[in-house]
Amino acid sequence: MNRLLNLLIFLLMISSSIYSQNIILKKSFFSGYKYSTDSVNYVDLDVDNLEEIMSDNEESLDLLNSYTTNSTVSKIFGYLGGFLIGWPLGGYLGSGGEWKDGYTTMLIVGGGLTLASIIFESIADNKLEESVSKYNSTNSVISKVQFGLGYCKESKSINFAFQIKL
């Protein structure tokens, strides 16, 4: 009985450490990405914390850095595009409906920058998801461990199999 209890405790410790190594992403339309390492407590995306978690995996870290770069470029283009769209619209509404010559050019450039911002943000999102997927696939022990439980009629015992693929 004591061996069975020790084995059960050992298996519970292994399973808790196996599941704690995965990163789970959840995307919300309004609040952006949230992540969790225990699938219970989700926190807002913090790249510094993810870099610390992924520090032992170079490929995932490179993809995460690419996410940061693309996200920064997207924000810069988005702010500029929003300004170039908002300035002529504000000027038009503030002047009582008088459309000036430079407004059309500003709207076109602002629209182009906003479109570029959306494209860069889409690329950044793909890089983040790829980074987490790469990290989970290379560092997760759960994909390499197989458990088996069975009952043997001849010996009237429960058999347990544990196999690790390397």
C-alpha atoms as a PDB file:
ATOM      1  CA  MET A   1       0.000   0.000   0.000  1.00  0.00           C
ATOM      2  CA  ASN A   2       2.852   2.346   0.798  1.00  0.00           C
ATOM      3  CA  ARG A   3       4.429   1.799  -2.637  1.00  0.00           C
ATOM      4  CA  LEU A   4       1.139   2.539  -4.359  1.00  0.00           C
ATOM      5  CA  LEU A   5       0.746   5.766  -2.415  1.00  0.00           C
ATOM      6  CA  ASN A   6       4.313   6.816  -3.248  1.00  0.00           C
ATOM      7  CA  LEU A   7       3.740   6.026  -6.910  1.00  0.00           C
ATOM      8  CA  LEU A   8       0.521   8.046  -6.949  1.00  0.00           C
ATOM      9  CA  ILE A   9       2.232  11.060  -5.367  1.00  0.00           C
ATOM     10  CA  PHE A  10       5.107  10.746  -7.838  1.00  0.00           C
ATOM     11  CA  LEU A  11       2.729  10.668 -10.806  1.00  0.00           C
ATOM     12  CA  LEU A  12       0.811  13.684  -9.535  1.00  0.00           C
ATOM     13  CA  MET A  13       4.055  15.659  -9.192  1.00  0.00           C
ATOM     14  CA  ILE A  14       5.124  14.692 -12.714  1.00  0.00           C
ATOM     15  CA  SER A  15       1.763  15.614 -14.231  1.00  0.00           C
ATOM     16  CA  SER A  16       1.700  19.007 -12.521  1.00  0.00           C
ATOM     17  CA  SER A  17       5.195  19.824 -13.758  1.00  0.00           C
ATOM     18  CA  ILE A  18       4.352  18.616 -17.262  1.00  0.00           C
ATOM     19  CA  TYR A  19       1.327  20.881 -17.644  1.00  0.00           C
ATOM     20  CA  SER A  20       3.027  23.908 -16.113  1.00  0.00           C
ATOM     21  CA  GLN A  21       5.508  24.158 -18.987  1.00  0.00           C
ATOM     22  CA  ASN A  22       2.962  25.045 -21.667  1.00  0.00           C
ATOM     23  CA  ILE A  23       1.993  28.595 -22.537  1.00  0.00           C
ATOM     24  CA  ILE A  24      -1.627  29.130 -23.515  1.00  0.00           C
ATOM     25  CA  LEU A  25      -2.665  32.224 -25.506  1.00  0.00           C
ATOM     26  CA  LYS A  26      -6.136  33.708 -25.509  1.00  0.00           C
ATOM     27  CA  LYS A  27      -7.046  36.611 -27.800  1.00  0.00           C
ATOM     28  CA  SER A  28      -9.727  39.147 -27.014  1.00  0.00           C
ATOM     29  CA  PHE A  29     -10.955  41.689 -29.533  1.00  0.00           C
ATOM     30  CA  PHE A  30     -10.801  44.632 -27.140  1.00  0.00           C
ATOM     31  CA  SER A  31      -7.999  43.760 -24.714  1.00  0.00           C
ATOM     32  CA  GLY A  32      -5.562  41.971 -27.025  1.00  0.00           C
ATOM     33  CA  TYR A  33      -3.656  38.855 -26.016  1.00  0.00           C
ATOM     34  CA  LYS A  34      -3.623  37.235 -22.606  1.00  0.00           C
ATOM     35  CA  TYR A  35      -1.480  34.269 -21.675  1.00  0.00           C
ATOM     36  CA  SER A  36      -1.368  31.627 -18.988  1.00  0.00           C
ATOM     37  CA  THR A  37       1.054  28.938 -17.916  1.00  0.00           C
ATOM     38  CA  ASP A  38      -1.464  27.034 -15.811  1.00  0.00           C
ATOM     39  CA  SER A  39      -4.613  27.414 -17.987  1.00  0.00           C
ATOM     40  CA  VAL A  40      -6.437  29.004 -15.047  1.00  0.00           C
ATOM     41  CA  ASN A  41      -4.969  32.441 -14.392  1.00  0.00           C
ATOM     42  CA  TYR A  42      -4.741  34.539 -17.560  1.00  0.00           C
ATOM     43  CA  VAL A  43      -2.748  37.784 -17.462  1.00  0.00           C
ATOM     44  CA  ASP A  44      -2.280  40.531 -20.038  1.00  0.00           C
ATOM     45  CA  LEU A  45       0.526  39.910 -22.492  1.00  0.00           C
ATOM     46  CA  ASP A  46       3.875  40.981 -21.042  1.00  0.00           C
ATOM     47  CA  VAL A  47       6.712  40.374 -23.487  1.00  0.00           C
ATOM     48  CA  ASP A  48       9.387  40.622 -20.779  1.00  0.00           C
ATOM     49  CA  ASN A  49       7.791  37.773 -18.813  1.00  0.00           C
ATOM     50  CA  LEU A  50       7.441  35.660 -21.945  1.00  0.00           C
ATOM     51  CA  GLU A  51      11.108  36.308 -22.801  1.00  0.00           C
ATOM     52  CA  GLU A  52      12.042  35.068 -19.337  1.00  0.00           C
ATOM     53  CA  ILE A  53       9.933  31.924 -19.763  1.00  0.00           C
ATOM     54  CA  MET A  54      11.280  31.263 -23.281  1.00  0.00           C
ATOM     55  CA  SER A  55      14.911  32.110 -22.470  1.00  0.00           C
ATOM     56  CA  ASP A  56      16.084  28.537 -23.064  1.00  0.00           C
ATOM     57  CA  ASN A  57      14.534  28.258 -26.542  1.00  0.00           C
ATOM     58  CA  GLU A  58      16.331  30.388 -29.166  1.00  0.00           C
ATOM     59  CA  GLU A  59      13.833  29.865 -32.014  1.00  0.00           C
ATOM     60  CA  SER A  60      10.870  30.909 -29.885  1.00  0.00           C
ATOM     61  CA  LEU A  61      12.795  33.879 -28.543  1.00  0.00           C
ATOM     62  CA  ASP A  62      13.671  35.043 -32.075  1.00  0.00           C
ATOM     63  CA  LEU A  63      10.018  34.803 -33.122  1.00  0.00           C
ATOM     64  CA  LEU A  64       8.972  36.696 -29.990  1.00  0.00           C
ATOM     65  CA  ASN A  65      11.459  39.465 -30.806  1.00  0.00           C
ATOM     66  CA  SER A  66      10.072  39.569 -34.347  1.00  0.00           C
ATOM     67  CA  TYR A  67       6.591  39.959 -32.835  1.00  0.00           C
ATOM     68  CA  THR A  68       7.816  42.913 -30.764  1.00  0.00           C
ATOM     69  CA  THR A  69       9.386  44.611 -33.786  1.00  0.00           C
ATOM     70  CA  ASN A  70       6.338  44.158 -36.031  1.00  0.00           C
ATOM     71  CA  SER A  71       3.971  45.276 -33.271  1.00  0.00           C
ATOM     72  CA  THR A  72       6.014  48.446 -32.684  1.00  0.00           C
ATOM     73  CA  VAL A  73       6.059  49.284 -36.411  1.00  0.00           C
ATOM     74  CA  SER A  74       2.304  48.666 -36.533  1.00  0.00           C
ATOM     75  CA  LYS A  75       1.675  51.077 -33.665  1.00  0.00           C
ATOM     76  CA  ILE A  76       3.819  53.800 -35.244  1.00  0.00           C
ATOM     77  CA  PHE A  77       2.020  53.492 -38.584  1.00  0.00           C
ATOM     78  CA  GLY A  78      -1.340  53.342 -36.813  1.00  0.00           C
ATOM     79  CA  TYR A  79      -0.736  56.531 -34.839  1.00  0.00           C
ATOM     80  CA  LEU A  80       0.496  58.396 -37.904  1.00  0.00           C
ATOM     81  CA  GLY A  81      -2.384  57.106 -40.040  1.00  0.00           C
ATOM     82  CA  GLY A  82      -4.925  58.035 -37.382  1.00  0.00           C
ATOM     83  CA  PHE A  83      -3.469  61.529 -37.138  1.00  0.00           C
ATOM     84  CA  LEU A  84      -3.482  62.003 -40.918  1.00  0.00           C
ATOM     85  CA  ILE A  85      -7.109  60.881 -41.099  1.00  0.00           C
ATOM     86  CA  GLY A  86      -8.268  62.800 -38.031  1.00  0.00           C
ATOM     87  CA  TRP A  87      -6.645  66.136 -38.851  1.00  0.00           C
ATOM     88  CA  PRO A  88      -8.517  66.780 -42.124  1.00  0.00           C
ATOM     89  CA  LEU A  89     -11.798  65.450 -40.735  1.00  0.00           C
ATOM     90  CA  GLY A  90     -11.457  67.673 -37.670  1.00  0.00           C
ATOM     91  CA  GLY A  91     -10.528  70.629 -39.876  1.00  0.00           C
ATOM     92  CA  TYR A  92     -13.502  70.002 -42.138  1.00  0.00           C
ATOM     93  CA  LEU A  93     -15.956  69.753 -39.255  1.00  0.00           C
ATOM     94  CA  GLY A  94     -14.374  72.645 -37.338  1.00  0.00           C
ATOM     95  CA  SER A  95     -14.433  75.036 -40.283  1.00  0.00           C
ATOM     96  CA  GLY A  96     -18.139  74.589 -40.944  1.00  0.00           C
ATOM     97  CA  GLY A  97     -17.813  72.266 -43.925  1.00  0.00           C
ATOM     98  CA  GLU A  98     -14.995  73.911 -45.866  1.00  0.00           C
ATOM     99  CA  TRP A  99     -12.850  71.281 -47.623  1.00  0.00           C
ATOM    100  CA  LYS A 100      -9.258  72.445 -48.212  1.00  0.00           C
ATOM    101  CA  ASP A 101      -6.917  71.207 -50.949  1.00  0.00           C
ATOM    102  CA  GLY A 102      -4.456  69.349 -48.687  1.00  0.00           C
ATOM    103  CA  TYR A 103      -7.131  67.346 -46.905  1.00  0.00           C
ATOM    104  CA  THR A 104      -7.556  64.799 -49.675  1.00  0.00           C
ATOM    105  CA  THR A 105      -3.839  64.008 -49.780  1.00  0.00           C
ATOM    106  CA  MET A 106      -3.722  63.658 -45.997  1.00  0.00           C
ATOM    107  CA  LEU A 107      -6.694  61.272 -46.037  1.00  0.00           C
ATOM    108  CA  ILE A 108      -5.142  59.078 -48.723  1.00  0.00           C
ATOM    109  CA  VAL A 109      -1.760  58.903 -46.989  1.00  0.00           C
ATOM    110  CA  GLY A 110      -3.457  58.305 -43.625  1.00  0.00           C
ATOM    111  CA  GLY A 111      -5.532  55.494 -45.087  1.00  0.00           C
ATOM    112  CA  GLY A 112      -2.422  53.892 -46.580  1.00  0.00           C
ATOM    113  CA  LEU A 113      -0.575  54.092 -43.270  1.00  0.00           C
ATOM    114  CA  THR A 114      -3.568  52.630 -41.447  1.00  0.00           C
ATOM    115  CA  LEU A 115      -3.709  49.746 -43.921  1.00  0.00           C
ATOM    116  CA  ALA A 116       0.033  49.150 -43.441  1.00  0.00           C
ATOM    117  CA  SER A 117      -0.560  49.175 -39.682  1.00  0.00           C
ATOM    118  CA  ILE A 118      -3.200  46.464 -39.977  1.00  0.00           C
ATOM    119  CA  ILE A 119      -0.883  44.321 -42.129  1.00  0.00           C
ATOM    120  CA  PHE A 120       2.037  44.651 -39.695  1.00  0.00           C
ATOM    121  CA  GLU A 121      -0.219  43.833 -36.732  1.00  0.00           C
ATOM    122  CA  SER A 122      -1.461  40.709 -38.503  1.00  0.00           C
ATOM    123  CA  ILE A 123       2.143  39.629 -39.131  1.00  0.00           C
ATOM    124  CA  ALA A 124       2.984  40.342 -35.478  1.00  0.00           C
ATOM    125  CA  ASP A 125       0.046  38.237 -34.254  1.00  0.00           C
ATOM    126  CA  ASN A 126       1.159  35.328 -36.431  1.00  0.00           C
ATOM    127  CA  LYS A 127       4.726  35.614 -35.078  1.00  0.00           C
ATOM    128  CA  LEU A 128       3.467  35.551 -31.472  1.00  0.00           C
ATOM    129  CA  GLU A 129       1.281  32.506 -32.058  1.00  0.00           C
ATOM    130  CA  GLU A 130       4.108  30.750 -33.905  1.00  0.00           C
ATOM    131  CA  SER A 131       6.538  31.575 -31.087  1.00  0.00           C
ATOM    132  CA  VAL A 132       4.277  30.093 -28.421  1.00  0.00           C
ATOM    133  CA  SER A 133       3.501  27.076 -30.593  1.00  0.00           C
ATOM    134  CA  LYS A 134       7.214  26.446 -31.209  1.00  0.00           C
ATOM    135  CA  TYR A 135       7.957  26.787 -27.497  1.00  0.00           C
ATOM    136  CA  ASN A 136       5.169  24.397 -26.517  1.00  0.00           C
ATOM    137  CA  SER A 137       6.148  21.795 -29.107  1.00  0.00           C
ATOM    138  CA  THR A 138       9.869  21.737 -28.265  1.00  0.00           C
ATOM    139  CA  ASN A 139       9.751  22.195 -24.496  1.00  0.00           C
ATOM    140  CA  SER A 140       6.653  20.285 -23.559  1.00  0.00           C
ATOM    141  CA  VAL A 141       7.272  16.952 -21.943  1.00  0.00           C
ATOM    142  CA  ILE A 142       3.647  15.951 -22.339  1.00  0.00           C
ATOM    143  CA  SER A 143       4.077  15.245 -26.043  1.00  0.00           C
ATOM    144  CA  LYS A 144       6.933  12.832 -25.197  1.00  0.00           C
ATOM    145  CA  VAL A 145       5.314  10.950 -22.303  1.00  0.00           C
ATOM    146  CA  GLN A 146       2.778   8.147 -22.637  1.00  0.00           C
ATOM    147  CA  PHE A 147       0.821   6.626 -19.781  1.00  0.00           C
ATOM    148  CA  GLY A 148      -1.032   3.361 -19.848  1.00  0.00           C
ATOM    149  CA  LEU A 149      -3.306   1.742 -17.285  1.00  0.00           C
ATOM    150  CA  GLY A 150      -4.768  -1.730 -17.570  1.00  0.00           C
ATOM    151  CA  TYR A 151      -6.141  -4.698 -15.675  1.00  0.00           C
ATOM    152  CA  CYS A 152      -4.655  -8.178 -15.874  1.00  0.00           C
ATOM    153  CA  LYS A 153      -7.219 -10.983 -15.334  1.00  0.00           C
ATOM    154  CA  GLU A 154      -4.685 -13.732 -14.653  1.00  0.00           C
ATOM    155  CA  SER A 155      -2.896 -11.999 -11.802  1.00  0.00           C
ATOM    156  CA  LYS A 156      -5.888  -9.880 -10.775  1.00  0.00           C
ATOM    157  CA  SER A 157      -3.808  -6.726 -10.681  1.00  0.00           C
ATOM    158  CA  ILE A 158      -3.748  -3.291 -12.196  1.00  0.00           C
ATOM    159  CA  ASN A 159      -0.864  -2.640 -14.545  1.00  0.00           C
ATOM    160  CA  PHE A 160       0.616   0.778 -15.142  1.00  0.00           C
ATOM    161  CA  ALA A 161       2.904   1.623 -18.079  1.00  0.00           C
ATOM    162  CA  PHE A 162       5.048   4.722 -18.345  1.00  0.00           C
ATOM    163  CA  GLN A 163       7.059   5.473 -21.498  1.00  0.00           C
ATOM    164  CA  ILE A 164       9.149   8.495 -22.489  1.00  0.00           C
ATOM    165  CA  LYS A 165       9.975   9.123 -26.159  1.00  0.00           C
ATOM    166  CA  LEU A 166      13.278  10.906 -26.629  1.00  0.00           C
END
